[in-house]
C-alpha atoms as a PDB file:
ATOM      1  CA  UNK A   1      12.435  17.463  26.708  1.00  0.00           C
ATOM      2  CA  UNK A   2      12.752  19.689  23.633  1.00  0.00           C
ATOM      3  CA  UNK A   3      14.963  17.616  21.331  1.00  0.00           C
ATOM      4  CA  UNK A   4      15.107  20.249  18.599  1.00  0.00           C
ATOM      5  CA  UNK A   5      16.757  22.781  20.965  1.00  0.00           C
ATOM      6  CA  UNK A   6      19.280  20.179  22.105  1.00  0.00           C
ATOM      7  CA  UNK A   7      20.118  19.455  18.489  1.00  0.00           C
ATOM      8  CA  UNK A   8      20.723  23.120  17.692  1.00  0.00           C
ATOM      9  CA  UNK A   9      22.863  23.500  20.819  1.00  0.00           C
ATOM     10  CA  UNK A  10      25.081  20.639  19.696  1.00  0.00           C
ATOM     11  CA  UNK A  11      25.813  22.489  16.469  1.00  0.00           C
ATOM     12  CA  UNK A  12      26.888  25.836  17.962  1.00  0.00           C
ATOM     13  CA  UNK A  13      30.537  24.740  17.943  1.00  0.00           C
ATOM     14  CA  UNK A  14      30.345  23.022  14.573  1.00  0.00           C
ATOM     15  CA  UNK A  15      33.088  24.103  12.211  1.00  0.00           C
ATOM     16  CA  UNK A  16      31.861  25.252   8.795  1.00  0.00           C
ATOM     17  CA  UNK A  17      32.088  22.666   6.040  1.00  0.00           C
ATOM     18  CA  UNK A  18      31.682  23.116   2.311  1.00  0.00           C
ATOM     19  CA  UNK A  19      28.640  20.958   1.699  1.00  0.00           C
ATOM     20  CA  UNK A  20      27.170  22.858  -1.199  1.00  0.00           C
ATOM     21  CA  UNK A  21      28.851  20.721  -3.855  1.00  0.00           C
ATOM     22  CA  UNK A  22      25.984  18.397  -4.655  1.00  0.00           C
ATOM     23  CA  UNK A  23      28.162  16.027  -6.674  1.00  0.00           C
ATOM     24  CA  UNK A  24      30.729  15.315  -3.975  1.00  0.00           C
ATOM     25  CA  UNK A  25      31.598  11.673  -3.360  1.00  0.00           C
ATOM     26  CA  UNK A  26      34.222  11.925  -0.603  1.00  0.00           C
ATOM     27  CA  UNK A  27      34.367  13.737   2.702  1.00  0.00           C
ATOM     28  CA  UNK A  28      37.381  15.491   4.159  1.00  0.00           C
ATOM     29  CA  UNK A  29      38.850  12.203   5.345  1.00  0.00           C
ATOM     30  CA  UNK A  30      38.625  10.540   1.960  1.00  0.00           C
ATOM     31  CA  UNK A  31      35.661   8.285   2.806  1.00  0.00           C
ATOM     32  CA  UNK A  32      33.458   7.397  -0.135  1.00  0.00           C
ATOM     33  CA  UNK A  33      30.004   8.676   0.743  1.00  0.00           C
ATOM     34  CA  UNK A  34      27.797   7.266  -1.983  1.00  0.00           C
ATOM     35  CA  UNK A  35      26.274   5.418   0.955  1.00  0.00           C
ATOM     36  CA  UNK A  36      25.453   8.611   2.743  1.00  0.00           C
ATOM     37  CA  UNK A  37      24.106   6.970   5.888  1.00  0.00           C
ATOM     38  CA  UNK A  38      25.682   3.773   7.236  1.00  0.00           C
ATOM     39  CA  UNK A  39      24.334   2.103  10.370  1.00  0.00           C
ATOM     40  CA  UNK A  40      25.905  -1.097  11.671  1.00  0.00           C
ATOM     41  CA  UNK A  41      24.707  -3.261  14.585  1.00  0.00           C
ATOM     42  CA  UNK A  42      23.124  -0.269  16.325  1.00  0.00           C
ATOM     43  CA  UNK A  43      21.676  -0.920  19.776  1.00  0.00           C
ATOM     44  CA  UNK A  44      20.051   1.448  22.239  1.00  0.00           C
ATOM     45  CA  UNK A  45      19.146   0.359  25.759  1.00  0.00           C
ATOM     46  CA  UNK A  46      17.514   2.530  28.421  1.00  0.00           C
ATOM     47  CA  UNK A  47      18.076   1.867  32.136  1.00  0.00           C
ATOM     48  CA  UNK A  48      19.797  -1.439  31.333  1.00  0.00           C
ATOM     49  CA  UNK A  49      16.415  -3.018  30.691  1.00  0.00           C
ATOM     50  CA  UNK A  50      14.402  -1.500  27.829  1.00  0.00           C
ATOM     51  CA  UNK A  51      15.919  -2.358  24.454  1.00  0.00           C
ATOM     52  CA  UNK A  52      14.678   0.350  22.086  1.00  0.00           C
ATOM     53  CA  UNK A  53      16.957  -0.652  19.189  1.00  0.00           C
ATOM     54  CA  UNK A  54      18.131  -4.228  18.753  1.00  0.00           C
ATOM     55  CA  UNK A  55      20.990  -4.418  16.277  1.00  0.00           C
ATOM     56  CA  UNK A  56      19.814  -2.140  13.470  1.00  0.00           C
ATOM     57  CA  UNK A  57      21.686  -2.340  10.140  1.00  0.00           C
ATOM     58  CA  UNK A  58      20.785   0.192   7.480  1.00  0.00           C
ATOM     59  CA  UNK A  59      22.490   1.837   4.491  1.00  0.00           C
ATOM     60  CA  UNK A  60      20.953   4.792   2.653  1.00  0.00           C
ATOM     61  CA  UNK A  61      22.308   6.070  -0.655  1.00  0.00           C
ATOM     62  CA  UNK A  62      23.044   9.701  -1.417  1.00  0.00           C
ATOM     63  CA  UNK A  63      19.974  11.394  -2.913  1.00  0.00           C
ATOM     64  CA  UNK A  64      17.636   8.581  -1.890  1.00  0.00           C
ATOM     65  CA  UNK A  65      14.226   8.957  -0.240  1.00  0.00           C
ATOM     66  CA  UNK A  66      13.694   6.275   2.402  1.00  0.00           C
ATOM     67  CA  UNK A  67      10.341   5.891   4.144  1.00  0.00           C
ATOM     68  CA  UNK A  68      10.679   4.438   7.636  1.00  0.00           C
ATOM     69  CA  UNK A  69       7.417   2.753   8.595  1.00  0.00           C
ATOM     70  CA  UNK A  70       6.397   1.161  11.862  1.00  0.00           C
ATOM     71  CA  UNK A  71       3.719   1.213  14.559  1.00  0.00           C
ATOM     72  CA  UNK A  72       3.898   3.470  17.602  1.00  0.00           C
ATOM     73  CA  UNK A  73       6.753   2.424  19.870  1.00  0.00           C
ATOM     74  CA  UNK A  74       8.553   0.536  17.100  1.00  0.00           C
ATOM     75  CA  UNK A  75      11.757   2.591  17.485  1.00  0.00           C
ATOM     76  CA  UNK A  76      11.433   5.122  14.646  1.00  0.00           C
ATOM     77  CA  UNK A  77      11.962   8.271  16.732  1.00  0.00           C
ATOM     78  CA  UNK A  78      14.698   6.621  18.825  1.00  0.00           C
ATOM     79  CA  UNK A  79      16.558   5.664  15.660  1.00  0.00           C
ATOM     80  CA  UNK A  80      16.377   9.211  14.295  1.00  0.00           C
ATOM     81  CA  UNK A  81      17.373  10.722  17.646  1.00  0.00           C
ATOM     82  CA  UNK A  82      20.408   8.454  17.823  1.00  0.00           C
ATOM     83  CA  UNK A  83      21.533   9.278  14.290  1.00  0.00           C
ATOM     84  CA  UNK A  84      21.161  13.011  14.964  1.00  0.00           C
ATOM     85  CA  UNK A  85      23.148  12.822  18.198  1.00  0.00           C
ATOM     86  CA  UNK A  86      20.221  13.447  20.527  1.00  0.00           C
ATOM     87  CA  UNK A  87      20.650  10.020  22.126  1.00  0.00           C
ATOM     88  CA  UNK A  88      23.869   8.065  22.594  1.00  0.00           C
ATOM     89  CA  UNK A  89      24.001   4.576  21.098  1.00  0.00           C
ATOM     90  CA  UNK A  90      24.659   1.735  23.498  1.00  0.00           C
ATOM     91  CA  UNK A  91      26.722  -0.009  20.826  1.00  0.00           C
ATOM     92  CA  UNK A  92      27.195  -0.048  17.079  1.00  0.00           C
ATOM     93  CA  UNK A  93      28.372   2.586  14.610  1.00  0.00           C
ATOM     94  CA  UNK A  94      26.743   5.356  12.575  1.00  0.00           C
ATOM     95  CA  UNK A  95      28.367   7.281   9.736  1.00  0.00           C
ATOM     96  CA  UNK A  96      26.802  10.317   8.071  1.00  0.00           C
ATOM     97  CA  UNK A  97      28.512  11.440   4.880  1.00  0.00           C
ATOM     98  CA  UNK A  98      31.459   9.279   5.898  1.00  0.00           C
ATOM     99  CA  UNK A  99      31.802  10.960   9.318  1.00  0.00           C
ATOM    100  CA  UNK A 100      31.385   8.916  12.488  1.00  0.00           C
ATOM    101  CA  UNK A 101      28.777  10.573  14.726  1.00  0.00           C
ATOM    102  CA  UNK A 102      30.930   9.954  17.799  1.00  0.00           C
ATOM    103  CA  UNK A 103      34.462  10.800  16.682  1.00  0.00           C
ATOM    104  CA  UNK A 104      33.499  13.368  14.009  1.00  0.00           C
ATOM    105  CA  UNK A 105      30.291  14.627  15.577  1.00  0.00           C
ATOM    106  CA  UNK A 106      30.673  18.262  14.537  1.00  0.00           C
ATOM    107  CA  UNK A 107      31.203  17.406  10.883  1.00  0.00           C
ATOM    108  CA  UNK A 108      28.408  14.822  10.915  1.00  0.00           C
ATOM    109  CA  UNK A 109      25.832  17.126  12.512  1.00  0.00           C
ATOM    110  CA  UNK A 110      26.686  19.854  10.052  1.00  0.00           C
ATOM    111  CA  UNK A 111      25.234  17.628   7.327  1.00  0.00           C
ATOM    112  CA  UNK A 112      21.997  16.837   9.162  1.00  0.00           C
ATOM    113  CA  UNK A 113      18.660  18.609   9.056  1.00  0.00           C
ATOM    114  CA  UNK A 114      15.958  17.504  11.482  1.00  0.00           C
ATOM    115  CA  UNK A 115      12.234  18.205  11.576  1.00  0.00           C
ATOM    116  CA  UNK A 116      11.013  16.641  14.850  1.00  0.00           C
ATOM    117  CA  UNK A 117       7.419  15.830  15.669  1.00  0.00           C
ATOM    118  CA  UNK A 118       7.274  18.503  18.352  1.00  0.00           C
ATOM    119  CA  UNK A 119       6.863  22.110  17.276  1.00  0.00           C
ATOM    120  CA  UNK A 120       9.366  24.179  19.261  1.00  0.00           C
ATOM    121  CA  UNK A 121       9.729  27.842  18.342  1.00  0.00           C
ATOM    122  CA  UNK A 122      10.261  31.123  20.181  1.00  0.00           C
ATOM    123  CA  UNK A 123       6.749  32.634  20.197  1.00  0.00           C
ATOM    124  CA  UNK A 124       7.805  36.312  20.211  1.00  0.00           C
ATOM    125  CA  UNK A 125      10.396  35.986  17.434  1.00  0.00           C
ATOM    126  CA  UNK A 126       9.639  36.667  13.770  1.00  0.00           C
ATOM    127  CA  UNK A 127       9.856  34.014  11.087  1.00  0.00           C
ATOM    128  CA  UNK A 128      12.772  35.764   9.372  1.00  0.00           C
ATOM    129  CA  UNK A 129      14.787  36.181  12.569  1.00  0.00           C
ATOM    130  CA  UNK A 130      14.136  32.561  13.497  1.00  0.00           C
ATOM    131  CA  UNK A 131      15.712  31.329  10.274  1.00  0.00           C
ATOM    132  CA  UNK A 132      18.622  33.782  10.422  1.00  0.00           C
ATOM    133  CA  UNK A 133      19.417  32.705  13.977  1.00  0.00           C
ATOM    134  CA  UNK A 134      19.227  29.002  13.081  1.00  0.00           C
ATOM    135  CA  UNK A 135      21.630  29.544  10.209  1.00  0.00           C
ATOM    136  CA  UNK A 136      24.039  31.357  12.510  1.00  0.00           C
ATOM    137  CA  UNK A 137      24.104  28.388  14.880  1.00  0.00           C
ATOM    138  CA  UNK A 138      25.915  26.459  12.169  1.00  0.00           C
ATOM    139  CA  UNK A 139      28.550  29.146  11.754  1.00  0.00           C
ATOM    140  CA  UNK A 140      27.089  30.293   8.449  1.00  0.00           C
ATOM    141  CA  UNK A 141      26.784  33.879   7.293  1.00  0.00           C
ATOM    142  CA  UNK A 142      23.669  35.649   6.085  1.00  0.00           C
ATOM    143  CA  UNK A 143      22.108  34.404   2.854  1.00  0.00           C
ATOM    144  CA  UNK A 144      18.930  36.419   2.205  1.00  0.00           C
ATOM    145  CA  UNK A 145      18.414  34.841  -1.234  1.00  0.00           C
ATOM    146  CA  UNK A 146      18.412  31.320   0.175  1.00  0.00           C
ATOM    147  CA  UNK A 147      16.036  32.225   3.002  1.00  0.00           C
ATOM    148  CA  UNK A 148      13.700  33.911   0.534  1.00  0.00           C
ATOM    149  CA  UNK A 149      13.741  30.810  -1.662  1.00  0.00           C
ATOM    150  CA  UNK A 150      12.916  28.489   1.246  1.00  0.00           C
ATOM    151  CA  UNK A 151      10.153  30.736   2.562  1.00  0.00           C
ATOM    152  CA  UNK A 152       8.557  30.961  -0.870  1.00  0.00           C
ATOM    153  CA  UNK A 153       8.748  27.201  -1.373  1.00  0.00           C
ATOM    154  CA  UNK A 154       6.853  26.750   1.894  1.00  0.00           C
ATOM    155  CA  UNK A 155       4.377  29.582   1.225  1.00  0.00           C
ATOM    156  CA  UNK A 156       5.817  31.576   4.155  1.00  0.00           C
ATOM    157  CA  UNK A 157       7.192  34.614   2.356  1.00  0.00           C
ATOM    158  CA  UNK A 158       4.172  36.767   3.216  1.00  0.00           C
ATOM    159  CA  UNK A 159       4.602  35.781   6.883  1.00  0.00           C
ATOM    160  CA  UNK A 160       8.324  36.546   7.129  1.00  0.00           C
ATOM    161  CA  UNK A 161       7.836  39.502   9.495  1.00  0.00           C
ATOM    162  CA  UNK A 162       5.073  37.869  11.550  1.00  0.00           C
ATOM    163  CA  UNK A 163       5.693  36.699  15.104  1.00  0.00           C
ATOM    164  CA  UNK A 164       5.570  32.942  15.611  1.00  0.00           C
ATOM    165  CA  UNK A 165       2.762  33.254  18.162  1.00  0.00           C
ATOM    166  CA  UNK A 166       0.474  34.724  15.493  1.00  0.00           C
ATOM    167  CA  UNK A 167       0.830  31.724  13.169  1.00  0.00           C
ATOM    168  CA  UNK A 168      -1.496  28.768  12.884  1.00  0.00           C
ATOM    169  CA  UNK A 169      -0.305  25.265  13.747  1.00  0.00           C
ATOM    170  CA  UNK A 170       0.191  24.447  10.081  1.00  0.00           C
ATOM    171  CA  UNK A 171       2.251  27.590   9.518  1.00  0.00           C
ATOM    172  CA  UNK A 172       4.415  26.812  12.535  1.00  0.00           C
ATOM    173  CA  UNK A 173       5.057  23.372  11.096  1.00  0.00           C
ATOM    174  CA  UNK A 174       6.237  25.063   7.911  1.00  0.00           C
ATOM    175  CA  UNK A 175       8.644  27.218   9.936  1.00  0.00           C
ATOM    176  CA  UNK A 176      10.061  24.074  11.553  1.00  0.00           C
ATOM    177  CA  UNK A 177      10.737  22.649   8.110  1.00  0.00           C
ATOM    178  CA  UNK A 178      12.341  25.918   6.996  1.00  0.00           C
ATOM    179  CA  UNK A 179      14.619  25.864  10.075  1.00  0.00           C
ATOM    180  CA  UNK A 180      15.806  22.390   9.139  1.00  0.00           C
ATOM    181  CA  UNK A 181      16.677  23.522   5.608  1.00  0.00           C
ATOM    182  CA  UNK A 182      18.275  26.899   6.262  1.00  0.00           C
ATOM    183  CA  UNK A 183      21.823  25.526   6.750  1.00  0.00           C
ATOM    184  CA  UNK A 184      21.555  23.456   3.526  1.00  0.00           C
ATOM    185  CA  UNK A 185      21.814  19.967   5.030  1.00  0.00           C
ATOM    186  CA  UNK A 186      22.744  17.009   2.846  1.00  0.00           C
ATOM    187  CA  UNK A 187      20.531  14.561   4.750  1.00  0.00           C
ATOM    188  CA  UNK A 188      17.101  15.542   6.039  1.00  0.00           C
ATOM    189  CA  UNK A 189      15.095  13.676   8.682  1.00  0.00           C
ATOM    190  CA  UNK A 190      11.354  14.299   8.631  1.00  0.00           C
ATOM    191  CA  UNK A 191       9.640  12.783  11.659  1.00  0.00           C
ATOM    192  CA  UNK A 192       5.897  12.797  10.874  1.00  0.00           C
ATOM    193  CA  UNK A 193       6.213  16.162   9.072  1.00  0.00           C
ATOM    194  CA  UNK A 194       2.613  16.308   7.828  1.00  0.00           C
ATOM    195  CA  UNK A 195       0.858  14.961  10.928  1.00  0.00           C
ATOM    196  CA  UNK A 196      -2.201  17.081  11.605  1.00  0.00           C
ATOM    197  CA  UNK A 197      -1.576  19.580   8.813  1.00  0.00           C
ATOM    198  CA  UNK A 198      -3.769  20.663   5.933  1.00  0.00           C
ATOM    199  CA  UNK A 199      -3.833  19.228   2.437  1.00  0.00           C
ATOM    200  CA  UNK A 200      -2.051  22.280   1.017  1.00  0.00           C
ATOM    201  CA  UNK A 201       0.990  21.795   3.243  1.00  0.00           C
ATOM    202  CA  UNK A 202       1.149  18.104   2.390  1.00  0.00           C
ATOM    203  CA  UNK A 203       1.157  19.014  -1.299  1.00  0.00           C
ATOM    204  CA  UNK A 204       3.856  21.663  -0.762  1.00  0.00           C
ATOM    205  CA  UNK A 205       5.918  19.165   1.241  1.00  0.00           C
ATOM    206  CA  UNK A 206       5.775  16.573  -1.511  1.00  0.00           C
ATOM    207  CA  UNK A 207       6.888  19.152  -4.075  1.00  0.00           C
ATOM    208  CA  UNK A 208       9.717  20.344  -1.810  1.00  0.00           C
ATOM    209  CA  UNK A 209      10.916  16.780  -1.164  1.00  0.00           C
ATOM    210  CA  UNK A 210      11.021  16.123  -4.906  1.00  0.00           C
ATOM    211  CA  UNK A 211      13.134  19.259  -5.408  1.00  0.00           C
ATOM    212  CA  UNK A 212      15.515  18.327  -2.585  1.00  0.00           C
ATOM    213  CA  UNK A 213      15.968  14.864  -4.074  1.00  0.00           C
ATOM    214  CA  UNK A 214      16.778  16.438  -7.435  1.00  0.00           C
ATOM    215  CA  UNK A 215      19.455  18.492  -5.628  1.00  0.00           C
ATOM    216  CA  UNK A 216      21.017  15.312  -4.226  1.00  0.00           C
ATOM    217  CA  UNK A 217      19.709  15.603  -0.665  1.00  0.00           C
ATOM    218  CA  UNK A 218      19.136  12.303   1.145  1.00  0.00           C
ATOM    219  CA  UNK A 219      15.768  12.153   2.889  1.00  0.00           C
ATOM    220  CA  UNK A 220      14.483   9.831   5.599  1.00  0.00           C
ATOM    221  CA  UNK A 221      10.780  10.151   6.257  1.00  0.00           C
ATOM    222  CA  UNK A 222       8.692   8.629   9.024  1.00  0.00           C
ATOM    223  CA  UNK A 223       4.973   8.806   8.481  1.00  0.00           C
ATOM    224  CA  UNK A 224       1.658   7.260   9.445  1.00  0.00           C
ATOM    225  CA  UNK A 225       0.302   8.220   6.027  1.00  0.00           C
ATOM    226  CA  UNK A 226       1.107   5.157   3.962  1.00  0.00           C
ATOM    227  CA  UNK A 227       0.041   6.982   0.802  1.00  0.00           C
ATOM    228  CA  UNK A 228       2.908   9.432   1.362  1.00  0.00           C
ATOM    229  CA  UNK A 229       5.445   6.626   1.424  1.00  0.00           C
ATOM    230  CA  UNK A 230       3.839   5.028  -1.606  1.00  0.00           C
ATOM    231  CA  UNK A 231       3.892   8.316  -3.523  1.00  0.00           C
ATOM    232  CA  UNK A 232       7.399   9.658  -2.899  1.00  0.00           C
ATOM    233  CA  UNK A 233       9.725   7.011  -1.413  1.00  0.00           C
ATOM    234  CA  UNK A 234      12.402   5.129  -3.369  1.00  0.00           C
ATOM    235  CA  UNK A 235      12.711   2.430  -0.724  1.00  0.00           C
ATOM    236  CA  UNK A 236      10.686   1.298   2.254  1.00  0.00           C
ATOM    237  CA  UNK A 237      12.150   0.243   5.609  1.00  0.00           C
ATOM    238  CA  UNK A 238       9.817  -1.415   8.093  1.00  0.00           C
ATOM    239  CA  UNK A 239      10.801  -1.323  11.771  1.00  0.00           C
ATOM    240  CA  UNK A 240       9.021  -3.059  14.634  1.00  0.00           C
ATOM    241  CA  UNK A 241      10.043  -3.817  18.207  1.00  0.00           C
ATOM    242  CA  UNK A 242      13.447  -2.202  17.662  1.00  0.00           C
ATOM    243  CA  UNK A 243      14.357  -4.337  14.633  1.00  0.00           C
ATOM    244  CA  UNK A 244      14.379  -3.641  10.907  1.00  0.00           C
ATOM    245  CA  UNK A 245      12.076  -6.238   9.351  1.00  0.00           C
ATOM    246  CA  UNK A 246      13.012  -5.404   5.770  1.00  0.00           C
ATOM    247  CA  UNK A 247      14.458  -2.734   3.504  1.00  0.00           C
ATOM    248  CA  UNK A 248      13.278  -2.966  -0.064  1.00  0.00           C
ATOM    249  CA  UNK A 249      12.571  -0.804  -3.062  1.00  0.00           C
ATOM    250  CA  UNK A 250       8.959   0.246  -3.267  1.00  0.00           C
ATOM    251  CA  UNK A 251       8.474  -1.341  -6.672  1.00  0.00           C
ATOM    252  CA  UNK A 252      10.037  -4.659  -5.614  1.00  0.00           C
ATOM    253  CA  UNK A 253       8.040  -4.734  -2.395  1.00  0.00           C
ATOM    254  CA  UNK A 254       4.789  -4.160  -4.243  1.00  0.00           C
ATOM    255  CA  UNK A 255       5.694  -6.819  -6.797  1.00  0.00           C
ATOM    256  CA  UNK A 256       6.969  -9.516  -4.448  1.00  0.00           C
ATOM    257  CA  UNK A 257       4.496  -9.136  -1.601  1.00  0.00           C
ATOM    258  CA  UNK A 258       1.503  -7.608  -3.292  1.00  0.00           C
ATOM    259  CA  UNK A 259      -1.503  -9.653  -4.273  1.00  0.00           C
ATOM    260  CA  UNK A 260      -3.731  -8.976  -7.240  1.00  0.00           C
ATOM    261  CA  UNK A 261      -7.457  -9.498  -7.266  1.00  0.00           C
ATOM    262  CA  UNK A 262      -9.646 -10.055 -10.311  1.00  0.00           C
ATOM    263  CA  UNK A 263     -13.318  -9.222  -9.773  1.00  0.00           C
ATOM    264  CA  UNK A 264     -15.639 -10.913 -12.239  1.00  0.00           C
ATOM    265  CA  UNK A 265     -19.153  -9.512 -12.400  1.00  0.00           C
ATOM    266  CA  UNK A 266     -21.845 -11.939 -13.592  1.00  0.00           C
ATOM    267  CA  UNK A 267     -24.943 -11.280 -15.663  1.00  0.00           C
ATOM    268  CA  UNK A 268     -26.922 -13.509 -13.301  1.00  0.00           C
ATOM    269  CA  UNK A 269     -26.153 -14.102  -9.604  1.00  0.00           C
ATOM    270  CA  UNK A 270     -25.214 -17.578  -8.404  1.00  0.00           C
ATOM    271  CA  UNK A 271     -25.602 -19.112  -4.961  1.00  0.00           C
ATOM    272  CA  UNK A 272     -22.676 -21.536  -5.212  1.00  0.00           C
ATOM    273  CA  UNK A 273     -19.549 -22.017  -7.266  1.00  0.00           C
ATOM    274  CA  UNK A 274     -19.436 -25.047  -9.571  1.00  0.00           C
ATOM    275  CA  UNK A 275     -17.205 -27.898  -8.378  1.00  0.00           C
ATOM    276  CA  UNK A 276     -15.282 -27.641 -11.645  1.00  0.00           C
ATOM    277  CA  UNK A 277     -13.819 -24.346 -10.361  1.00  0.00           C
ATOM    278  CA  UNK A 278     -12.641 -25.725  -6.996  1.00  0.00           C
ATOM    279  CA  UNK A 279      -8.966 -25.605  -8.049  1.00  0.00           C
ATOM    280  CA  UNK A 280      -9.072 -21.809  -8.218  1.00  0.00           C
ATOM    281  CA  UNK A 281      -8.813 -19.388  -5.285  1.00  0.00           C
ATOM    282  CA  UNK A 282     -12.335 -18.045  -5.752  1.00  0.00           C
ATOM    283  CA  UNK A 283     -14.962 -16.519  -3.501  1.00  0.00           C
ATOM    284  CA  UNK A 284     -18.463 -15.204  -4.093  1.00  0.00           C
ATOM    285  CA  UNK A 285     -19.091 -11.533  -3.255  1.00  0.00           C
ATOM    286  CA  UNK A 286     -21.931  -9.025  -3.563  1.00  0.00           C
ATOM    287  CA  UNK A 287     -24.642 -11.625  -2.844  1.00  0.00           C
ATOM    288  CA  UNK A 288     -23.417 -13.904  -5.587  1.00  0.00           C
ATOM    289  CA  UNK A 289     -23.375 -11.214  -8.270  1.00  0.00           C
ATOM    290  CA  UNK A 290     -19.581 -11.326  -8.590  1.00  0.00           C
ATOM    291  CA  UNK A 291     -16.626 -13.677  -8.142  1.00  0.00           C
ATOM    292  CA  UNK A 292     -13.294 -12.647  -6.658  1.00  0.00           C
ATOM    293  CA  UNK A 293     -10.120 -14.364  -7.846  1.00  0.00           C
ATOM    294  CA  UNK A 294      -6.885 -13.735  -5.855  1.00  0.00           C
ATOM    295  CA  UNK A 295      -3.507 -14.470  -7.418  1.00  0.00           C
ATOM    296  CA  UNK A 296       0.132 -13.530  -6.843  1.00  0.00           C
ATOM    297  CA  UNK A 297       1.556 -10.385  -8.374  1.00  0.00           C
ATOM    298  CA  UNK A 298       4.876 -11.993  -9.324  1.00  0.00           C
ATOM    299  CA  UNK A 299       3.875 -15.024 -11.322  1.00  0.00           C
ATOM    300  CA  UNK A 300       4.264 -14.955 -15.077  1.00  0.00           C
ATOM    301  CA  UNK A 301       1.203 -17.193 -15.434  1.00  0.00           C
ATOM    302  CA  UNK A 302      -1.828 -15.761 -13.683  1.00  0.00           C
ATOM    303  CA  UNK A 303      -4.280 -18.464 -14.693  1.00  0.00           C
ATOM    304  CA  UNK A 304      -6.824 -15.842 -15.750  1.00  0.00           C
ATOM    305  CA  UNK A 305      -7.186 -17.104 -19.334  1.00  0.00           C
ATOM    306  CA  UNK A 306      -7.848 -20.661 -18.176  1.00  0.00           C
ATOM    307  CA  UNK A 307     -10.227 -19.431 -15.477  1.00  0.00           C
ATOM    308  CA  UNK A 308     -12.315 -17.431 -17.922  1.00  0.00           C
ATOM    309  CA  UNK A 309     -12.538 -20.452 -20.192  1.00  0.00           C
ATOM    310  CA  UNK A 310     -13.622 -22.693 -17.306  1.00  0.00           C
ATOM    311  CA  UNK A 311     -16.203 -20.124 -16.187  1.00  0.00           C
ATOM    312  CA  UNK A 312     -17.731 -20.214 -19.643  1.00  0.00           C
ATOM    313  CA  UNK A 313     -17.775 -24.012 -19.644  1.00  0.00           C
ATOM    314  CA  UNK A 314     -19.550 -23.923 -16.250  1.00  0.00           C
ATOM    315  CA  UNK A 315     -22.304 -21.798 -17.766  1.00  0.00           C
ATOM    316  CA  UNK A 316     -21.424 -18.538 -15.975  1.00  0.00           C
ATOM    317  CA  UNK A 317     -21.747 -15.468 -18.190  1.00  0.00           C
ATOM    318  CA  UNK A 318     -19.475 -12.474 -17.546  1.00  0.00           C
ATOM    319  CA  UNK A 319     -20.808  -8.944 -17.518  1.00  0.00           C
ATOM    320  CA  UNK A 320     -17.609  -7.102 -16.574  1.00  0.00           C
ATOM    321  CA  UNK A 321     -14.250  -7.622 -14.886  1.00  0.00           C
ATOM    322  CA  UNK A 322     -11.518  -5.477 -13.317  1.00  0.00           C
ATOM    323  CA  UNK A 323      -8.282  -5.996 -11.371  1.00  0.00           C
ATOM    324  CA  UNK A 324      -6.838  -4.457  -8.206  1.00  0.00           C
ATOM    325  CA  UNK A 325      -3.443  -4.750  -6.499  1.00  0.00           C
ATOM    326  CA  UNK A 326      -2.652  -4.703  -2.792  1.00  0.00           C
ATOM    327  CA  UNK A 327      -1.760  -1.263  -1.506  1.00  0.00           C
ATOM    328  CA  UNK A 328       1.424  -0.574   0.438  1.00  0.00           C
ATOM    329  CA  UNK A 329      -0.727  -0.211   3.554  1.00  0.00           C
ATOM    330  CA  UNK A 330      -2.066  -3.746   3.178  1.00  0.00           C
ATOM    331  CA  UNK A 331       1.451  -5.101   2.676  1.00  0.00           C
ATOM    332  CA  UNK A 332       2.660  -3.177   5.741  1.00  0.00           C
ATOM    333  CA  UNK A 333      -0.105  -4.621   7.932  1.00  0.00           C
ATOM    334  CA  UNK A 334       0.635  -8.128   6.675  1.00  0.00           C
ATOM    335  CA  UNK A 335       4.338  -7.738   7.495  1.00  0.00           C
ATOM    336  CA  UNK A 336       3.609  -6.649  11.060  1.00  0.00           C
ATOM    337  CA  UNK A 337       1.123  -9.479  11.569  1.00  0.00           C
ATOM    338  CA  UNK A 338       3.647 -12.022  10.314  1.00  0.00           C
ATOM    339  CA  UNK A 339       6.392 -10.548  12.533  1.00  0.00           C
ATOM    340  CA  UNK A 340       4.138 -10.687  15.598  1.00  0.00           C
ATOM    341  CA  UNK A 341       3.381 -14.346  14.941  1.00  0.00           C
ATOM    342  CA  UNK A 342       7.090 -15.128  15.145  1.00  0.00           C
ATOM    343  CA  UNK A 343       7.701 -13.025  18.264  1.00  0.00           C
ATOM    344  CA  UNK A 344       4.519 -14.088  20.022  1.00  0.00           C
ATOM    345  CA  UNK A 345       3.380 -10.480  20.437  1.00  0.00           C
ATOM    346  CA  UNK A 346      -0.344  -9.622  20.245  1.00  0.00           C
END
């Protein structure tokens, strides 16, 4: 099923809203919308048996970039589809910009931009006509200056009169992104937007996301590229088996769950570690030519000074040393492994 076409069809009857004021804090009903996305106790069950979402709670601030991470089948796409109105929640509530997606669905969907994983475009239509038509679906008039700006940001301006069928896969992905932006949404969902695309598009996407954030647009990004989340996200949400495992700022997550490693290179290799160093979390690496010391990233006292003193007392001479910190990918894998231990999943 082509979910992007369903989404556009839902918006044909949407009444125009003034969403260009980037500093707005209340919607038409007086709801404070600093928390631009509010999800409470959201559940989604298919065929009364498969529980895709199991009581999801999530708040996202206006202008925030949230990276939604999880393995295949964790519930990422189902969560996005439910927020965007492509799937009906079994229970729970969702508010976008203060509008309930059930009772105020037209107003809520007006605020949403969606870039799905699937590329769905009319092959015989031109890039320019595709964007003009998408804008019209939201009841908006022509805005050539805006379309030109978006096309140039995505390096599509030279292709504006080209038919979709003549474009490469990467260029078609850019058109999908442009379609999602052409009605000036205030919250943008990017479902694996850079999967299978070239390095240039990934770089352009990062720059565009930074600009949208500066304009106050809220962005939710799902990605398998952990480096993307680490580079551009304000907060990280980890979902697995239909449940949110945690939502934390990137900096706090790296600090609280990251582990630092000190690698100590020796002038002479050693076959064993002296018993006097048994109290430290040490291991020999590189055929005894170096020692690895693992310690927490949050502690004020790392023990490094004492360790170096004890190494000297044990007769080990240092040649060099350097430190490393766990990447977000390593933390992500650890979280999933810990969650699976509790649930009994493989």
